C-alpha atoms as a PDB file:
ATOM      1  CA  UNK A   1     101.054 167.082 291.729  1.00  0.00           C
ATOM      2  CA  UNK A   2      98.248 168.921 292.176  1.00  0.00           C
ATOM      3  CA  UNK A   3      94.463 167.340 292.615  1.00  0.00           C
ATOM      4  CA  UNK A   4      92.041 169.351 290.995  1.00  0.00           C
ATOM      5  CA  UNK A   5      88.701 168.751 293.892  1.00  0.00           C
ATOM      6  CA  UNK A   6      86.519 170.494 291.565  1.00  0.00           C
ATOM      7  CA  UNK A   7      85.745 166.996 290.545  1.00  0.00           C
ATOM      8  CA  UNK A   8      84.434 163.665 292.118  1.00  0.00           C
ATOM      9  CA  UNK A   9      87.462 161.054 291.718  1.00  0.00           C
ATOM     10  CA  UNK A  10      86.851 157.315 291.089  1.00  0.00           C
ATOM     11  CA  UNK A  11      89.349 155.099 293.144  1.00  0.00           C
ATOM     12  CA  UNK A  12      89.841 151.164 293.836  1.00  0.00           C
ATOM     13  CA  UNK A  13      90.910 149.941 296.786  1.00  0.00           C
ATOM     14  CA  UNK A  14      91.582 146.959 298.424  1.00  0.00           C
ATOM     15  CA  UNK A  15      91.475 145.142 302.095  1.00  0.00           C
ATOM     16  CA  UNK A  16      94.594 143.323 302.515  1.00  0.00           C
ATOM     17  CA  UNK A  17      94.207 141.652 305.838  1.00  0.00           C
ATOM     18  CA  UNK A  18      97.005 139.386 307.594  1.00  0.00           C
ATOM     19  CA  UNK A  19      97.329 135.527 307.884  1.00  0.00           C
ATOM     20  CA  UNK A  20      95.494 135.561 311.328  1.00  0.00           C
ATOM     21  CA  UNK A  21      92.750 137.862 310.144  1.00  0.00           C
ATOM     22  CA  UNK A  22      93.601 140.601 312.937  1.00  0.00           C
ATOM     23  CA  UNK A  23      95.105 143.306 311.271  1.00  0.00           C
ATOM     24  CA  UNK A  24      95.048 144.746 307.333  1.00  0.00           C
ATOM     25  CA  UNK A  25      97.731 146.608 305.633  1.00  0.00           C
ATOM     26  CA  UNK A  26      97.111 150.556 305.123  1.00  0.00           C
ATOM     27  CA  UNK A  27      99.131 153.285 303.778  1.00  0.00           C
ATOM     28  CA  UNK A  28     100.425 155.806 306.525  1.00  0.00           C
ATOM     29  CA  UNK A  29      99.719 159.497 305.768  1.00  0.00           C
ATOM     30  CA  UNK A  30     101.390 162.498 306.964  1.00  0.00           C
ATOM     31  CA  UNK A  31      99.693 164.645 309.616  1.00  0.00           C
ATOM     32  CA  UNK A  32      97.425 167.617 307.838  1.00  0.00           C
ATOM     33  CA  UNK A  33      95.573 170.363 309.496  1.00  0.00           C
ATOM     34  CA  UNK A  34      92.192 167.902 309.666  1.00  0.00           C
ATOM     35  CA  UNK A  35      94.175 165.196 311.174  1.00  0.00           C
ATOM     36  CA  UNK A  36      97.356 166.306 313.044  1.00  0.00           C
ATOM     37  CA  UNK A  37      98.214 162.847 313.606  1.00  0.00           C
ATOM     38  CA  UNK A  38      98.064 161.662 310.565  1.00  0.00           C
ATOM     39  CA  UNK A  39      95.828 158.877 308.524  1.00  0.00           C
ATOM     40  CA  UNK A  40      95.926 155.698 307.603  1.00  0.00           C
ATOM     41  CA  UNK A  41      93.885 154.811 304.295  1.00  0.00           C
ATOM     42  CA  UNK A  42      93.111 151.958 302.578  1.00  0.00           C
ATOM     43  CA  UNK A  43      95.541 150.536 299.407  1.00  0.00           C
ATOM     44  CA  UNK A  44      95.085 151.691 295.710  1.00  0.00           C
ATOM     45  CA  UNK A  45      94.316 154.538 293.709  1.00  0.00           C
ATOM     46  CA  UNK A  46      92.815 156.087 290.732  1.00  0.00           C
ATOM     47  CA  UNK A  47      90.564 154.647 287.906  1.00  0.00           C
ATOM     48  CA  UNK A  48      92.227 155.852 284.833  1.00  0.00           C
ATOM     49  CA  UNK A  49      90.169 156.691 282.057  1.00  0.00           C
ATOM     50  CA  UNK A  50      88.310 153.474 280.146  1.00  0.00           C
ATOM     51  CA  UNK A  51      89.967 151.024 282.614  1.00  0.00           C
ATOM     52  CA  UNK A  52      87.799 149.011 285.039  1.00  0.00           C
ATOM     53  CA  UNK A  53      87.638 149.211 288.700  1.00  0.00           C
ATOM     54  CA  UNK A  54      89.393 145.322 288.726  1.00  0.00           C
ATOM     55  CA  UNK A  55      92.519 146.509 286.058  1.00  0.00           C
ATOM     56  CA  UNK A  56      92.528 149.720 288.343  1.00  0.00           C
ATOM     57  CA  UNK A  57      92.966 147.807 291.746  1.00  0.00           C
ATOM     58  CA  UNK A  58      95.138 144.964 289.903  1.00  0.00           C
ATOM     59  CA  UNK A  59      97.382 148.505 288.313  1.00  0.00           C
ATOM     60  CA  UNK A  60      97.383 150.033 291.491  1.00  0.00           C
ATOM     61  CA  UNK A  61      99.212 147.021 293.519  1.00  0.00           C
ATOM     62  CA  UNK A  62     101.664 146.312 291.061  1.00  0.00           C
ATOM     63  CA  UNK A  63     102.828 149.941 290.746  1.00  0.00           C
ATOM     64  CA  UNK A  64     102.574 150.732 294.366  1.00  0.00           C
ATOM     65  CA  UNK A  65     103.515 147.628 295.860  1.00  0.00           C
ATOM     66  CA  UNK A  66     105.097 145.278 292.943  1.00  0.00           C
ATOM     67  CA  UNK A  67     102.560 142.687 293.723  1.00  0.00           C
ATOM     68  CA  UNK A  68      99.803 140.623 292.666  1.00  0.00           C
ATOM     69  CA  UNK A  69      96.540 139.636 294.192  1.00  0.00           C
ATOM     70  CA  UNK A  70      95.359 135.943 295.048  1.00  0.00           C
ATOM     71  CA  UNK A  71      91.536 135.565 295.509  1.00  0.00           C
ATOM     72  CA  UNK A  72      90.688 139.076 294.479  1.00  0.00           C
ATOM     73  CA  UNK A  73      86.725 139.525 295.449  1.00  0.00           C
ATOM     74  CA  UNK A  74      84.764 143.505 294.868  1.00  0.00           C
ATOM     75  CA  UNK A  75      82.679 143.994 298.498  1.00  0.00           C
ATOM     76  CA  UNK A  76      81.328 147.097 297.309  1.00  0.00           C
ATOM     77  CA  UNK A  77      81.108 150.758 296.397  1.00  0.00           C
ATOM     78  CA  UNK A  78      80.902 153.600 299.008  1.00  0.00           C
ATOM     79  CA  UNK A  79      80.964 156.953 298.380  1.00  0.00           C
ATOM     80  CA  UNK A  80      83.577 159.094 300.378  1.00  0.00           C
ATOM     81  CA  UNK A  81      82.960 163.436 301.054  1.00  0.00           C
ATOM     82  CA  UNK A  82      85.847 164.894 303.311  1.00  0.00           C
ATOM     83  CA  UNK A  83      87.602 167.747 303.629  1.00  0.00           C
ATOM     84  CA  UNK A  84      91.659 167.546 303.226  1.00  0.00           C
ATOM     85  CA  UNK A  85      93.689 170.715 303.746  1.00  0.00           C
ATOM     86  CA  UNK A  86      90.984 172.495 303.951  1.00  0.00           C
ATOM     87  CA  UNK A  87      89.206 171.825 300.327  1.00  0.00           C
ATOM     88  CA  UNK A  88      86.095 169.573 299.987  1.00  0.00           C
ATOM     89  CA  UNK A  89      86.937 166.376 297.778  1.00  0.00           C
ATOM     90  CA  UNK A  90      84.568 163.780 296.795  1.00  0.00           C
ATOM     91  CA  UNK A  91      84.767 160.063 295.604  1.00  0.00           C
ATOM     92  CA  UNK A  92      83.869 157.202 294.447  1.00  0.00           C
ATOM     93  CA  UNK A  93      85.495 153.738 295.644  1.00  0.00           C
ATOM     94  CA  UNK A  94      85.095 150.678 294.709  1.00  0.00           C
ATOM     95  CA  UNK A  95      86.167 148.259 297.200  1.00  0.00           C
ATOM     96  CA  UNK A  96      87.371 144.865 297.016  1.00  0.00           C
ATOM     97  CA  UNK A  97      89.379 142.054 299.228  1.00  0.00           C
ATOM     98  CA  UNK A  98      92.573 139.734 298.417  1.00  0.00           C
ATOM     99  CA  UNK A  99      95.874 138.301 299.015  1.00  0.00           C
ATOM    100  CA  UNK A 100      99.339 139.594 298.531  1.00  0.00           C
ATOM    101  CA  UNK A 101     101.980 137.822 296.410  1.00  0.00           C
ATOM    102  CA  UNK A 102     104.283 138.722 297.771  1.00  0.00           C
ATOM    103  CA  UNK A 103     102.964 139.351 301.378  1.00  0.00           C
ATOM    104  CA  UNK A 104     104.334 142.870 302.985  1.00  0.00           C
ATOM    105  CA  UNK A 105     106.436 141.554 305.952  1.00  0.00           C
ATOM    106  CA  UNK A 106     105.295 141.777 309.495  1.00  0.00           C
ATOM    107  CA  UNK A 107     106.747 145.076 310.169  1.00  0.00           C
ATOM    108  CA  UNK A 108     105.397 146.573 307.150  1.00  0.00           C
ATOM    109  CA  UNK A 109     107.350 148.297 304.512  1.00  0.00           C
ATOM    110  CA  UNK A 110     106.699 151.014 301.595  1.00  0.00           C
ATOM    111  CA  UNK A 111     104.855 151.939 298.511  1.00  0.00           C
ATOM    112  CA  UNK A 112     105.529 154.232 295.686  1.00  0.00           C
ATOM    113  CA  UNK A 113     102.971 156.677 294.718  1.00  0.00           C
ATOM    114  CA  UNK A 114     102.808 157.638 291.039  1.00  0.00           C
ATOM    115  CA  UNK A 115     104.360 160.788 292.024  1.00  0.00           C
ATOM    116  CA  UNK A 116     107.505 158.951 293.162  1.00  0.00           C
ATOM    117  CA  UNK A 117     106.190 160.016 296.950  1.00  0.00           C
ATOM    118  CA  UNK A 118     107.157 157.224 299.444  1.00  0.00           C
ATOM    119  CA  UNK A 119     104.746 155.878 301.838  1.00  0.00           C
ATOM    120  CA  UNK A 120     104.823 153.644 304.468  1.00  0.00           C
ATOM    121  CA  UNK A 121     102.988 150.731 304.562  1.00  0.00           C
ATOM    122  CA  UNK A 122     101.730 148.991 307.905  1.00  0.00           C
ATOM    123  CA  UNK A 123      99.054 146.348 309.251  1.00  0.00           C
ATOM    124  CA  UNK A 124      96.829 148.293 311.726  1.00  0.00           C
ATOM    125  CA  UNK A 125      94.728 146.102 314.345  1.00  0.00           C
ATOM    126  CA  UNK A 126      91.517 145.073 312.857  1.00  0.00           C
ATOM    127  CA  UNK A 127      89.401 146.227 316.960  1.00  0.00           C
ATOM    128  CA  UNK A 128      91.079 149.793 316.057  1.00  0.00           C
ATOM    129  CA  UNK A 129      90.655 150.236 319.920  1.00  0.00           C
ATOM    130  CA  UNK A 130      94.386 151.374 320.563  1.00  0.00           C
ATOM    131  CA  UNK A 131      94.037 153.463 317.215  1.00  0.00           C
ATOM    132  CA  UNK A 132      94.101 157.306 317.329  1.00  0.00           C
ATOM    133  CA  UNK A 133      94.841 158.121 313.601  1.00  0.00           C
ATOM    134  CA  UNK A 134      91.614 157.986 311.687  1.00  0.00           C
ATOM    135  CA  UNK A 135      91.011 155.133 308.551  1.00  0.00           C
ATOM    136  CA  UNK A 136      89.710 156.301 305.166  1.00  0.00           C
ATOM    137  CA  UNK A 137      87.700 156.052 303.275  1.00  0.00           C
ATOM    138  CA  UNK A 138      85.375 156.027 306.343  1.00  0.00           C
ATOM    139  CA  UNK A 139      82.762 155.000 304.548  1.00  0.00           C
ATOM    140  CA  UNK A 140      84.566 151.305 303.979  1.00  0.00           C
ATOM    141  CA  UNK A 141      84.416 150.456 307.715  1.00  0.00           C
ATOM    142  CA  UNK A 142      81.952 148.170 307.609  1.00  0.00           C
ATOM    143  CA  UNK A 143      83.562 146.332 304.397  1.00  0.00           C
ATOM    144  CA  UNK A 144      87.127 146.248 306.147  1.00  0.00           C
ATOM    145  CA  UNK A 145      85.547 144.052 308.867  1.00  0.00           C
ATOM    146  CA  UNK A 146      83.706 142.525 305.970  1.00  0.00           C
ATOM    147  CA  UNK A 147      86.745 141.046 303.914  1.00  0.00           C
ATOM    148  CA  UNK A 148      88.397 139.223 307.418  1.00  0.00           C
ATOM    149  CA  UNK A 149      88.534 135.689 307.408  1.00  0.00           C
END
């Protein structure tokens, strides 16, 4: 599905910590012109017209992971201006924290995008010391740390 990148997109994403607080759940996306190793992204998606941030993240988690959210808390809102495949993108992202039921397996899993694309899901180290792949939205880094137990 083609995305019109001439507008600001509104998104809702969630930080899902592992039980021991050492990792958090992300989608593992393929290589791009800007990121030859690919990139990781917080789980979530677009807010639909008439939907609140909270309604959007609940719907996205249900649709993509067939899970529900426990202890949903809004952490903040970040602005993300980026380049994707050479095109400028701009998003306003409400970032939440919460646990999932059922929790994804320790080995990760997959999520299904609205267009049917299946994307790997994995547990990313919180420390990021050993991770070469960037995390997006980059502006959410402090919120990710704040969400960990």
